[in-house]
Amino acid sequence: MPRLVNKKSCWRQRLRRFWLAAHLYLGLTLGFFFAVLGVTGSINVFMFELEELALPAVQVASQGSTVTLDDVVQRVTTAYPEKNGKWCFNLPGYGMDYIWAEYPKPVETADELYAPFRVLIDPFSGKITAESYWGQTVWSLVFELHAALMLGKLGVNIGQIGYHGICFLGLFLVLSALTGLYLWWPRVGKLKSALTLKWRSSPERFYYDVHKTAGIYAAIFLLMLGFTGFSFAYADYIKPLVRNFSSIREKLLEDPDVKSTHTENAQRLAIAKVVALATRVFPQAELRSVDTPDGKAGVYTVSLRQPGEANQRAPRSKVWLDQYSGQILAVQDPNQFTAGETFFNVLFPLHTGEALGPVGRMLWCVLGLVPAVLFITGILRWLQKRKAKRLAKGRQVAVNNGL
């Protein structure tokens, strides 16, 4: 019996050494990237608020009325006549005080992965207050660093490589969190000690405790952030697994292939009319954005947020309409999603924290700093161990030499 116990104990020790080495090398090789992604992710939680921080405060009109979207579109298209394609108009709310208008594919930045032209409009006066291309402001650069290490500036193909590489790091973050959880798992009766930070301890113990407690309290969130980040570029690898439990449409959350029917002398409908038609589909929903048609065959896309939707700034309740007749060409209703489709629908708001509202965003902002704490304390602890090993080796050499 003792021999069996010893074999079992040796097997556990070998297994622990293996996962300890895996956790260590993941931290040494990728920990810096985890830290950068965490800090930039914390900033991105409040990107819109930060973008508007340097702008004049929106002055509510005395009568409290806002300009119409038709007026806004007219002002923007008049100010930028060369940008005569599709525009996306996002309404104020959820941290945004201005109307954000985006021109998705300007020729000036066509060689970049993602760099729309953005215009901010005062919702009461209709005045164009700011304009910029994505990547020209500090906060959009921070977002680019988080999304693709700013490789999108070097070209579409290189940007795609950067984006997919960043998303793939999510898988390694999951692995790092799981190995850390395994290494932390306390013995019977040691749970309280394993969850406690000893403030009045040696530097070696203090760094270890900070690394341990920060990691364990944030583990579930790190697993969530890593998995959701991975899913953005590799959802096709996850869908087969989810389909074992629920059906999922092949082109989930993609724009349908619909077109407007153009006839001679046909006139584009006013946005007010289009919004009224779309609102009939979702009468209890809040209007969040309108995309104007791209060319004669283009369609209006109206996005609304139904009560309870996890996606707040970019909800999934959408209506696509013929720009001339107002005919409803397609509808997307997240309340009709299958369980599997709902799973994929909530991944983005879970990654940003907006699924849990303002409290969730604040929490995610704080949690984004945890990878940096883990990286720094992990490096310090590793250096301490190396120093201790060198000293021990030096003493052993001295003993062997009879000194």
Foldseek 3Di string as FASTA:
>chain_A
DVVVVVVVVVVVVVVLVVLVVLLLVLLVPCLVVLQLLLQLLLLLLQLQLVVCVPFDDQDQDPVRDFDDVLLLVVVVCVVPVVLPFKKKWFDDDPNHQWIKIWSFADPVQNFFQGWIKIWTARRHPSDTGDIDIQPPDPSSVSVLCNQFNVLRSVGNVSSVVSNLVNLVVLVSLLSSLVSLCVSLDDDPPCVVVSQDQDPPDDPLSNLVSLLRNLSVVCSVVSNLLSVLSNCVVPVVVVVVVLVVPKDDDPQFPDDDPAWADDDPPFDFDRVVVLVVLLCVVVVQWAWTMWMDFGPQGGWIKTATHHPLALDDNGGQFIWTARRRPSHTDDTTDLVPDMPSSVVNRNSVSSNSQSSVPPVRNNVSSVSSNSSVSNSVSSVVSVVVVVVVVVVVVVVVVCVVVVD
